[in-house]
């Protein structure tokens, strides 16, 4: 008689998940499949129960979904997200691939619960855009043989994870060097974010450019924040109240830069006469505003296209050309930067 210890562990069933979540089996099935008409709290309980119990849906491939991928965003209200998705969708369409979009749980890490939701779509792989990715998610994705490509990840990922981004360090250095070349020495940085890889890289580029120019780093000229317009607006108002504000600032992104300019204007500071501002991204509104924004351009649409092509290559079982792709950034000089007022006054006096 075989020993009881040799018995295979019982597979976790959908009924187990439903029992743990305190709902019906049909409700659990709908929640795991990402279908509508399920209460938000019920869906959350089901997803967490599935993760805790180690439940995995059996992959059922429908012929019409063999050519489908998921693009998952932590938020879809920004111009950045729209530009990146536009490039991803164009490349997917050219390749005959459908794209299903999903909105992730904003402010929460991408974990095994999210993977269950992605697997339930029966897509072949996923792009994870500007999100904090938990190690458990990556481990579970590898175990499920579900290809993942991250774009502008907010968390540091290991070398096995395929990531797409821009040359953020070089861009931060470029923006700062531009202000230094104009004669600025009190240069601030707005949007110090220690929780995102791209934020850390841009800030490191800023600090490196100051060091190369022999300008001491002054922590009092740095302002923590996120990538929202409202954050920039609040800091812009604060700069206008400061008795010794910086003469120029580098911002983590264009949305923050636009907020800084408007907040400073309402406080009485004019751009670029009183405050030079450099953004990062080159979203369409950057060139529509008055004056148009000086910024570091990252090729957002191209990043979306490269991400899709890389994911399709992985789905086919081919190794990507590189696990960490960084596309080149470039400085776009427009109307929000000029020499500081003191230098302009010296030039005027010399001319007289």
Protein backbone atom coordinates (compact mmCIF):
# COMPACT_ATOMS: atom_id res chain seq x y z
CA UNK A 1 0.00 0.00 0.00
CA UNK A 2 1.47 3.41 -0.96
CA UNK A 3 2.41 5.68 1.89
CA UNK A 4 0.03 8.58 2.52
CA UNK A 5 2.97 10.96 2.32
CA UNK A 6 3.38 10.03 -1.37
CA UNK A 7 -0.04 11.40 -2.23
CA UNK A 8 -0.10 14.45 -4.48
CA UNK A 9 -1.24 17.67 -2.76
CA UNK A 10 -4.86 18.52 -3.55
CA UNK A 11 -5.24 21.18 -6.21
CA UNK A 12 -6.84 24.38 -4.98
CA UNK A 13 -10.21 24.76 -6.66
CA UNK A 14 -12.41 27.71 -7.52
CA UNK A 15 -14.79 26.58 -4.78
CA UNK A 16 -11.93 26.91 -2.25
CA UNK A 17 -11.33 30.47 -3.39
CA UNK A 18 -15.03 31.34 -3.20
CA UNK A 19 -15.28 29.86 0.32
CA UNK A 20 -12.23 31.82 1.50
CA UNK A 21 -13.57 35.05 -0.05
CA UNK A 22 -17.08 34.53 1.33
CA UNK A 23 -18.88 34.66 -2.01
CA UNK A 24 -20.51 32.35 -4.57
CA UNK A 25 -18.50 30.30 -7.06
CA UNK A 26 -19.97 32.22 -10.05
CA UNK A 27 -18.99 35.52 -8.42
CA UNK A 28 -15.45 34.26 -7.81
CA UNK A 29 -15.20 33.08 -11.42
CA UNK A 30 -16.33 36.46 -12.74
CA UNK A 31 -13.91 38.30 -10.45
CA UNK A 32 -10.94 36.19 -11.53
CA UNK A 33 -11.89 36.58 -15.20
CA UNK A 34 -12.05 40.36 -14.83
CA UNK A 35 -15.69 40.46 -15.91
CA UNK A 36 -18.06 43.31 -14.98
CA UNK A 37 -20.97 43.28 -12.53
CA UNK A 38 -18.83 42.24 -9.57
CA UNK A 39 -18.65 44.54 -6.53
CA UNK A 40 -15.21 46.09 -6.04
CA UNK A 41 -14.80 44.74 -2.50
CA UNK A 42 -15.85 41.25 -3.63
CA UNK A 43 -13.36 41.33 -6.49
CA UNK A 44 -10.61 42.41 -4.12
CA UNK A 45 -11.43 39.62 -1.63
CA UNK A 46 -11.46 37.01 -4.39
CA UNK A 47 -8.13 38.11 -5.84
CA UNK A 48 -6.47 38.11 -2.43
CA UNK A 49 -7.96 34.72 -1.55
CA UNK A 50 -6.66 33.28 -4.83
CA UNK A 51 -3.17 34.63 -4.11
CA UNK A 52 -3.12 33.33 -0.53
CA UNK A 53 -4.31 29.86 -1.51
CA UNK A 54 -1.99 29.62 -4.51
CA UNK A 55 -4.89 29.21 -6.94
CA UNK A 56 -3.98 29.24 -10.61
CA UNK A 57 -6.56 29.15 -13.37
CA UNK A 58 -5.92 26.47 -15.94
CA UNK A 59 -4.87 28.27 -19.12
CA UNK A 60 -7.60 28.01 -21.73
CA UNK A 61 -6.46 29.40 -25.03
CA UNK A 62 -9.15 30.73 -27.32
CA UNK A 63 -8.05 30.95 -30.96
CA UNK A 64 -9.22 34.57 -31.23
CA UNK A 65 -7.00 35.50 -28.25
CA UNK A 66 -3.76 33.93 -29.37
CA UNK A 67 -2.70 37.30 -30.74
CA UNK A 68 -3.63 39.46 -27.75
CA UNK A 69 -1.43 41.24 -25.24
CA UNK A 70 -2.25 43.42 -22.22
CA UNK A 71 -1.03 46.97 -21.60
CA UNK A 72 -1.46 47.69 -17.88
CA UNK A 73 -1.12 51.24 -16.51
CA UNK A 74 -1.09 52.57 -12.96
CA UNK A 75 -3.06 55.56 -14.25
CA UNK A 76 -4.33 56.66 -17.65
CA UNK A 77 -5.03 60.35 -17.10
CA UNK A 78 -1.63 61.68 -18.15
CA UNK A 79 -0.51 62.79 -21.60
CA UNK A 80 2.58 60.61 -21.10
CA UNK A 81 0.43 57.46 -20.84
CA UNK A 82 -1.55 58.44 -23.92
CA UNK A 83 1.57 59.05 -26.00
CA UNK A 84 3.20 55.80 -24.94
CA UNK A 85 0.01 53.81 -25.56
CA UNK A 86 -0.36 55.41 -29.00
CA UNK A 87 3.05 54.06 -30.00
CA UNK A 88 2.31 50.63 -28.51
CA UNK A 89 -1.05 50.37 -30.26
CA UNK A 90 0.36 51.42 -33.64
CA UNK A 91 3.08 48.76 -33.49
CA UNK A 92 0.65 46.09 -32.27
CA UNK A 93 -1.77 46.89 -35.09
CA UNK A 94 1.01 46.62 -37.68
CA UNK A 95 1.87 43.21 -36.20
CA UNK A 96 -1.73 41.97 -36.26
CA UNK A 97 -1.95 41.91 -32.46
CA UNK A 98 -4.83 43.10 -30.29
CA UNK A 99 -4.14 45.16 -27.17
CA UNK A 100 -6.29 44.91 -24.06
CA UNK A 101 -5.79 47.79 -21.61
CA UNK A 102 -6.06 47.43 -17.87
CA UNK A 103 -5.91 49.97 -15.07
CA UNK A 104 -3.87 48.73 -12.13
CA UNK A 105 -4.64 49.42 -8.48
CA UNK A 106 -3.18 52.92 -8.19
CA UNK A 107 -0.83 53.38 -5.28
CA UNK A 108 -0.48 49.63 -4.72
CA UNK A 109 2.29 47.37 -5.90
CA UNK A 110 1.89 44.99 -8.82
CA UNK A 111 1.78 41.61 -7.07
CA UNK A 112 0.60 38.03 -7.57
CA UNK A 113 -3.02 39.18 -7.30
CA UNK A 114 -2.49 41.34 -10.36
CA UNK A 115 -0.89 38.41 -12.18
CA UNK A 116 -4.02 36.33 -11.61
CA UNK A 117 -6.05 39.09 -13.21
CA UNK A 118 -3.69 39.27 -16.19
CA UNK A 119 -3.72 35.49 -16.65
CA UNK A 120 -7.52 35.54 -16.56
CA UNK A 121 -7.55 37.66 -19.74
CA UNK A 122 -5.89 34.73 -21.56
CA UNK A 123 -3.51 37.16 -23.24
CA UNK A 124 -0.03 36.01 -24.24
CA UNK A 125 1.97 38.58 -22.26
CA UNK A 126 1.82 42.06 -20.75
CA UNK A 127 3.39 45.51 -20.72
CA UNK A 128 3.49 47.00 -17.21
CA UNK A 129 3.78 50.79 -17.43
CA UNK A 130 5.06 53.21 -14.72
CA UNK A 131 4.21 50.91 -11.81
CA UNK A 132 5.79 49.63 -8.62
CA UNK A 133 6.47 45.95 -9.22
CA UNK A 134 6.69 43.50 -6.34
CA UNK A 135 9.26 40.65 -6.51
CA UNK A 136 6.50 38.08 -5.93
CA UNK A 137 4.80 39.22 -9.15
CA UNK A 138 7.95 38.65 -11.19
CA UNK A 139 8.56 35.23 -9.62
CA UNK A 140 4.98 34.14 -10.26
CA UNK A 141 5.08 35.43 -13.86
CA UNK A 142 8.21 33.38 -14.54
CA UNK A 143 6.62 30.29 -13.00
CA UNK A 144 3.52 30.78 -15.18
CA UNK A 145 5.71 31.33 -18.28
CA UNK A 146 3.95 34.67 -18.80
CA UNK A 147 6.26 37.21 -20.54
CA UNK A 148 6.44 40.67 -18.97
CA UNK A 149 8.02 43.88 -20.26
CA UNK A 150 8.21 46.87 -17.90
CA UNK A 151 8.19 50.48 -19.11
CA UNK A 152 9.53 53.26 -16.87
CA UNK A 153 9.21 51.06 -13.80
CA UNK A 154 8.82 52.91 -10.52
CA UNK A 155 10.80 50.21 -8.72
CA UNK A 156 14.22 48.72 -9.26
CA UNK A 157 14.00 45.42 -11.13
CA UNK A 158 16.61 42.67 -11.37
CA UNK A 159 18.63 41.89 -14.47
CA UNK A 160 16.30 39.11 -15.56
CA UNK A 161 13.43 41.55 -16.06
CA UNK A 162 13.10 43.21 -19.46
CA UNK A 163 12.68 46.98 -19.12
CA UNK A 164 12.20 49.83 -21.59
CA UNK A 165 13.03 53.42 -20.72
CA UNK A 166 14.97 56.50 -21.75
CA UNK A 167 18.41 57.82 -20.89
CA UNK A 168 17.11 59.48 -17.74
CA UNK A 169 20.52 60.20 -16.16
CA UNK A 170 21.76 61.85 -19.35
CA UNK A 171 18.53 63.83 -19.63
CA UNK A 172 18.79 65.16 -16.08
CA UNK A 173 22.40 66.14 -16.70
CA UNK A 174 21.51 67.78 -20.02
CA UNK A 175 18.77 69.91 -18.46
CA UNK A 176 21.06 71.08 -15.67
CA UNK A 177 23.98 71.77 -18.00
CA UNK A 178 21.70 73.94 -20.15
CA UNK A 179 20.93 76.16 -17.14
CA UNK A 180 24.59 76.22 -16.12
CA UNK A 181 25.59 77.32 -19.64
CA UNK A 182 23.10 80.19 -19.39
CA UNK A 183 24.89 81.37 -16.23
CA UNK A 184 22.61 80.00 -13.51
CA UNK A 185 24.24 78.83 -10.29
CA UNK A 186 21.26 78.59 -7.92
CA UNK A 187 19.61 75.69 -9.71
CA UNK A 188 16.84 73.74 -8.02
CA UNK A 189 15.41 70.30 -8.70
CA UNK A 190 11.66 69.74 -8.35
CA UNK A 191 10.23 66.26 -7.93
CA UNK A 192 12.86 64.36 -5.94
CA UNK A 193 11.40 60.85 -5.86
CA UNK A 194 13.42 58.15 -4.11
CA UNK A 195 10.83 55.46 -4.92
CA UNK A 196 11.16 55.41 -8.72
CA UNK A 197 14.09 54.32 -10.82
CA UNK A 198 13.60 56.97 -13.49
CA UNK A 199 13.25 59.68 -10.81
CA UNK A 200 16.47 58.64 -9.11
CA UNK A 201 18.33 58.61 -12.42
CA UNK A 202 17.15 62.10 -13.43
CA UNK A 203 18.07 63.49 -10.02
CA UNK A 204 21.48 61.80 -10.18
CA UNK A 205 22.09 63.43 -13.58
CA UNK A 206 21.25 66.83 -12.08
CA UNK A 207 23.68 66.34 -9.20
CA UNK A 208 26.42 65.07 -11.48
CA UNK A 209 26.16 68.11 -13.78
CA UNK A 210 26.46 70.46 -10.80
CA UNK A 211 29.52 68.59 -9.56
CA UNK A 212 31.22 68.67 -12.96
CA UNK A 213 30.65 72.43 -13.10
CA UNK A 214 32.07 72.92 -9.61
CA UNK A 215 28.73 74.15 -8.23
CA UNK A 216 28.09 72.88 -4.69
CA UNK A 217 24.94 70.79 -4.25
CA UNK A 218 22.46 72.63 -2.01
CA UNK A 219 19.76 70.38 -0.56
CA UNK A 220 17.68 73.47 0.24
CA UNK A 221 17.12 73.88 -3.50
CA UNK A 222 15.58 70.41 -3.90
CA UNK A 223 11.88 69.76 -3.53
CA UNK A 224 10.34 66.29 -3.03
CA UNK A 225 7.25 65.35 -5.02
CA UNK A 226 5.56 63.16 -7.58
CA UNK A 227 4.77 63.64 -11.28
CA UNK A 228 1.51 65.57 -10.90
CA UNK A 229 0.70 69.10 -12.11
CA UNK A 230 -0.78 69.97 -8.71
CA UNK A 231 2.56 69.18 -7.03
CA UNK A 232 4.38 71.57 -9.34
CA UNK A 233 1.75 74.26 -8.81
CA UNK A 234 2.12 74.10 -5.02
CA UNK A 235 5.92 74.26 -5.24
CA UNK A 236 5.71 77.17 -7.71
CA UNK A 237 3.61 79.13 -5.20
CA UNK A 238 6.16 78.28 -2.52
CA UNK A 239 9.05 79.54 -4.68
CA UNK A 240 7.25 82.84 -5.15
CA UNK A 241 7.10 83.28 -1.36
CA UNK A 242 10.79 82.40 -0.87
CA UNK A 243 13.08 85.37 -0.22
CA UNK A 244 15.96 83.64 -2.08
CA UNK A 245 14.43 81.27 -4.64
CA UNK A 246 16.53 79.44 -7.23
CA UNK A 247 16.98 81.30 -10.51
CA UNK A 248 16.38 78.12 -12.51
CA UNK A 249 14.81 74.72 -11.86
CA UNK A 250 14.91 71.26 -13.42
CA UNK A 251 11.61 69.38 -13.07
CA UNK A 252 11.07 65.62 -12.97
CA UNK A 253 8.53 65.88 -15.80
CA UNK A 254 6.63 68.36 -17.97
CA UNK A 255 3.41 68.14 -15.94
CA UNK A 256 5.29 69.32 -12.85
CA UNK A 257 7.08 72.02 -14.87
CA UNK A 258 3.78 73.41 -16.18
CA UNK A 259 2.45 73.48 -12.62
CA UNK A 260 5.57 75.28 -11.35
CA UNK A 261 5.26 77.97 -14.01
CA UNK A 262 1.60 78.66 -13.25
CA UNK A 263 2.05 78.54 -9.48
CA UNK A 264 5.04 80.89 -9.66
CA UNK A 265 3.15 83.26 -12.01
CA UNK A 266 0.27 83.55 -9.58
CA UNK A 267 2.81 84.41 -6.88
CA UNK A 268 4.42 87.13 -8.99
CA UNK A 269 7.40 85.29 -10.56
CA UNK A 270 7.67 85.52 -14.35
CA UNK A 271 9.13 82.76 -16.54
CA UNK A 272 11.84 83.04 -17.74
CA UNK A 273 12.56 86.59 -16.48
CA UNK A 274 12.55 85.63 -12.80
CA UNK A 275 12.64 81.83 -13.00
CA UNK A 276 13.95 79.57 -15.76
CA UNK A 277 12.19 76.20 -15.97
CA UNK A 278 13.19 72.95 -17.73
CA UNK A 279 10.82 69.97 -17.99
CA UNK A 280 11.24 66.35 -19.00
CA UNK A 281 9.15 64.35 -21.56
CA UNK A 282 8.15 66.86 -24.28
CA UNK A 283 4.43 66.15 -24.13
CA UNK A 284 2.34 68.09 -26.73
CA UNK A 285 1.22 70.84 -24.27
CA UNK A 286 4.91 71.73 -23.77
CA UNK A 287 5.01 73.50 -27.15
CA UNK A 288 1.44 74.88 -26.95
CA UNK A 289 1.93 76.96 -23.80
CA UNK A 290 3.20 80.55 -23.78
CA UNK A 291 6.11 80.73 -23.57
CA UNK A 292 6.70 77.21 -24.90
CA UNK A 293 8.53 74.93 -22.49
CA UNK A 294 12.21 74.10 -22.68
CA UNK A 295 12.37 70.37 -21.96
CA UNK A 296 14.19 67.07 -22.35
CA UNK A 297 12.49 64.99 -24.99
CA UNK A 298 12.09 61.27 -24.43
CA UNK A 299 10.64 59.33 -27.41
CA UNK A 300 7.45 58.14 -25.70
CA UNK A 301 5.71 56.73 -28.78
CA UNK A 302 8.87 54.94 -29.84
CA UNK A 303 9.23 53.52 -26.33
CA UNK A 304 5.72 52.05 -26.62
CA UNK A 305 6.56 50.53 -30.00
CA UNK A 306 9.85 49.04 -28.81
CA UNK A 307 8.08 47.59 -25.76
CA UNK A 308 5.51 45.80 -27.96
CA UNK A 309 8.12 44.45 -30.38
CA UNK A 310 10.21 43.19 -27.46
CA UNK A 311 7.21 41.49 -25.85
CA UNK A 312 6.20 39.79 -29.12
CA UNK A 313 9.75 38.50 -29.51
CA UNK A 314 9.58 36.99 -26.01
CA UNK A 315 6.17 35.43 -26.70
CA UNK A 316 7.71 33.70 -29.72
CA UNK A 317 10.29 32.20 -27.37
CA UNK A 318 13.18 34.35 -28.59
CA UNK A 319 15.60 36.11 -26.28
CA UNK A 320 15.30 39.92 -26.39
CA UNK A 321 18.27 41.81 -27.80
CA UNK A 322 18.76 43.50 -24.43
CA UNK A 323 17.11 43.20 -21.03
CA UNK A 324 17.45 46.93 -20.38
CA UNK A 325 16.74 49.20 -23.33
CA UNK A 326 17.28 52.94 -22.96
CA UNK A 327 16.29 55.21 -25.85
CA UNK A 328 18.17 58.48 -26.32
CA UNK A 329 16.90 61.76 -24.87
CA UNK A 330 17.58 65.23 -26.31
CA UNK A 331 17.25 68.82 -25.12
CA UNK A 332 14.60 70.99 -26.79
CA UNK A 333 15.32 74.68 -26.16
CA UNK A 334 12.23 76.89 -26.16
CA UNK A 335 11.08 79.95 -24.30
CA UNK A 336 11.11 79.14 -20.57
CA UNK A 337 14.86 79.50 -20.06
CA UNK A 338 17.14 82.53 -20.28
CA UNK A 339 20.21 83.88 -18.43
CA UNK A 340 19.50 84.89 -14.82
CA UNK A 341 18.38 88.48 -14.21
CA UNK A 342 21.70 89.51 -12.65
CA UNK A 343 23.63 88.51 -15.80
CA UNK A 344 21.11 90.22 -18.07
CA UNK A 345 21.51 93.44 -16.06
CA UNK A 346 25.30 93.21 -16.31
CA UNK A 347 25.06 92.77 -20.09
CA UNK A 348 22.77 95.81 -20.31
CA UNK A 349 25.16 97.94 -18.26
CA UNK A 350 28.13 96.82 -20.37
CA UNK A 351 26.25 97.72 -23.53
CA UNK A 352 25.56 101.20 -22.15
